[in-house]
């Protein structure tokens, strides 16, 4: 089941941010920063609320093929066990990315959130049509 832990991360891992808080690439044409950040915040709230099925349902079809609600649950519970309960967002940015294999452009909401024990950096990727492509939660 560990393979399910990666959710839709194969898409993200191809071209995600190098982890820098300061700068990023411009969003693809037609994507608005506020829309990407708001959609990202919505996914973070669902993840912290344990609504794995809803997160899965929002993934676009190709991402659903490499994921499951159970995979999302397992992935997040492992991270939240270290970070504990969500407290608040401390920083956010939206950045553009491009998949290396297809050249598809997408936007990523990068949200830094304080939890009871640790900070978690959430990366939530959306297609230019605002379809959820994948998520990553990195405990810092």
Protein backbone atom coordinates (compact mmCIF):
# COMPACT_ATOMS: atom_id res chain seq x y z
CA UNK A 1 0.00 0.00 0.00
CA UNK A 2 3.01 2.31 0.30
CA UNK A 3 2.77 2.92 -3.45
CA UNK A 4 -0.61 4.52 -2.84
CA UNK A 5 1.01 6.95 -0.44
CA UNK A 6 2.44 8.82 -3.37
CA UNK A 7 -1.09 9.81 -4.44
CA UNK A 8 -0.77 11.91 -7.53
CA UNK A 9 2.74 12.97 -6.65
CA UNK A 10 4.35 11.47 -9.75
CA UNK A 11 2.91 14.46 -11.60
CA UNK A 12 4.15 16.91 -9.01
CA UNK A 13 7.56 15.41 -8.44
CA UNK A 14 8.47 15.90 -12.07
CA UNK A 15 8.48 19.66 -11.79
CA UNK A 16 7.75 20.93 -8.30
CA UNK A 17 9.31 23.87 -6.64
CA UNK A 18 12.80 23.37 -5.29
CA UNK A 19 11.40 24.23 -1.86
CA UNK A 20 12.16 27.94 -1.89
CA UNK A 21 9.82 30.19 0.08
CA UNK A 22 10.90 33.40 -1.60
CA UNK A 23 10.22 33.15 -5.31
CA UNK A 24 8.65 31.04 -8.01
CA UNK A 25 7.78 31.01 -11.66
CA UNK A 26 4.83 33.01 -13.01
CA UNK A 27 1.48 31.25 -13.15
CA UNK A 28 0.39 30.02 -16.58
CA UNK A 29 -1.57 32.52 -18.64
CA UNK A 30 -5.18 32.73 -17.52
CA UNK A 31 -4.55 31.50 -13.96
CA UNK A 32 -5.10 33.96 -11.13
CA UNK A 33 -3.07 33.87 -7.93
CA UNK A 34 -6.06 34.40 -5.65
CA UNK A 35 -8.01 31.58 -7.31
CA UNK A 36 -5.09 29.15 -7.04
CA UNK A 37 -4.44 30.04 -3.39
CA UNK A 38 -8.13 29.86 -2.44
CA UNK A 39 -8.51 26.46 -4.11
CA UNK A 40 -5.33 25.27 -2.38
CA UNK A 41 -6.63 26.43 1.00
CA UNK A 42 -9.84 24.51 0.37
CA UNK A 43 -7.88 21.29 -0.24
CA UNK A 44 -5.70 21.87 2.86
CA UNK A 45 -8.88 22.31 4.93
CA UNK A 46 -10.29 19.05 3.55
CA UNK A 47 -7.04 17.22 4.25
CA UNK A 48 -6.90 18.48 7.82
CA UNK A 49 -10.57 17.70 8.28
CA UNK A 50 -10.05 14.08 7.23
CA UNK A 51 -12.28 14.31 4.16
CA UNK A 52 -10.17 11.93 2.05
CA UNK A 53 -13.03 10.98 -0.27
CA UNK A 54 -13.75 14.61 -1.17
CA UNK A 55 -10.08 15.25 -1.96
CA UNK A 56 -10.01 12.11 -4.11
CA UNK A 57 -13.23 13.14 -5.88
CA UNK A 58 -11.69 16.50 -6.79
CA UNK A 59 -8.62 14.91 -8.43
CA UNK A 60 -8.74 14.88 -12.20
CA UNK A 61 -9.11 11.44 -13.80
CA UNK A 62 -5.41 10.74 -14.49
CA UNK A 63 -4.52 11.54 -10.87
CA UNK A 64 -7.33 9.32 -9.58
CA UNK A 65 -5.75 6.40 -11.45
CA UNK A 66 -2.68 6.58 -9.19
CA UNK A 67 -4.52 7.30 -5.95
CA UNK A 68 -7.39 6.30 -3.67
CA UNK A 69 -9.17 7.76 -0.65
CA UNK A 70 -7.34 5.17 1.47
CA UNK A 71 -4.01 6.23 -0.03
CA UNK A 72 -4.71 9.85 0.77
CA UNK A 73 -5.71 8.91 4.33
CA UNK A 74 -2.55 6.89 4.88
CA UNK A 75 -0.33 9.59 3.37
CA UNK A 76 -1.82 12.38 5.48
CA UNK A 77 -2.11 10.44 8.74
CA UNK A 78 1.60 9.68 8.57
CA UNK A 79 2.41 13.38 8.25
CA UNK A 80 -0.17 14.65 10.71
CA UNK A 81 1.07 12.19 13.32
CA UNK A 82 4.32 14.18 13.32
CA UNK A 83 2.86 17.68 12.93
CA UNK A 84 -0.30 17.21 15.04
CA UNK A 85 -3.35 19.46 14.69
CA UNK A 86 -3.65 22.35 12.25
CA UNK A 87 -3.31 25.79 13.83
CA UNK A 88 -3.06 28.41 11.06
CA UNK A 89 -1.56 29.38 7.72
CA UNK A 90 1.63 31.39 8.09
CA UNK A 91 2.68 32.06 4.49
CA UNK A 92 1.47 31.37 0.97
CA UNK A 93 2.43 31.80 -2.65
CA UNK A 94 1.27 30.60 -6.04
CA UNK A 95 3.74 29.54 -8.67
CA UNK A 96 3.69 28.17 -12.19
CA UNK A 97 5.20 24.86 -13.18
CA UNK A 98 5.52 22.73 -16.28
CA UNK A 99 5.49 18.93 -16.56
CA UNK A 100 8.74 17.82 -18.12
CA UNK A 101 7.29 14.87 -20.03
CA UNK A 102 4.27 16.62 -21.59
CA UNK A 103 5.05 20.32 -21.31
CA UNK A 104 1.68 20.88 -19.63
CA UNK A 105 1.66 24.07 -17.57
CA UNK A 106 -0.02 24.16 -14.17
CA UNK A 107 -0.25 26.28 -11.06
CA UNK A 108 0.77 25.29 -7.57
CA UNK A 109 -0.50 26.76 -4.31
CA UNK A 110 2.30 26.57 -1.75
CA UNK A 111 0.91 26.99 1.76
CA UNK A 112 3.03 27.03 4.91
CA UNK A 113 0.89 26.04 7.87
CA UNK A 114 1.66 25.94 11.57
CA UNK A 115 0.50 22.79 13.30
CA UNK A 116 0.70 22.04 17.02
CA UNK A 117 4.18 20.46 16.81
CA UNK A 118 5.66 21.28 13.39
CA UNK A 119 5.17 23.36 10.26
CA UNK A 120 3.81 21.67 7.17
CA UNK A 121 4.39 22.91 3.63
CA UNK A 122 1.47 21.95 1.42
CA UNK A 123 1.85 21.97 -2.35
CA UNK A 124 -1.44 21.71 -4.18
CA UNK A 125 -1.25 21.55 -7.98
CA UNK A 126 -4.02 22.62 -10.37
CA UNK A 127 -4.31 22.40 -14.13
CA UNK A 128 -4.98 25.60 -16.04
CA UNK A 129 -8.67 24.55 -15.91
CA UNK A 130 -8.34 24.46 -12.08
CA UNK A 131 -8.59 20.67 -11.89
CA UNK A 132 -6.75 19.20 -8.90
CA UNK A 133 -3.66 17.39 -10.20
CA UNK A 134 -1.94 16.37 -6.98
CA UNK A 135 -0.89 17.22 -3.46
CA UNK A 136 2.18 17.06 -1.30
CA UNK A 137 2.49 17.69 2.43
CA UNK A 138 6.04 18.07 3.73
CA UNK A 139 6.62 18.24 7.49
CA UNK A 140 9.40 20.68 8.27
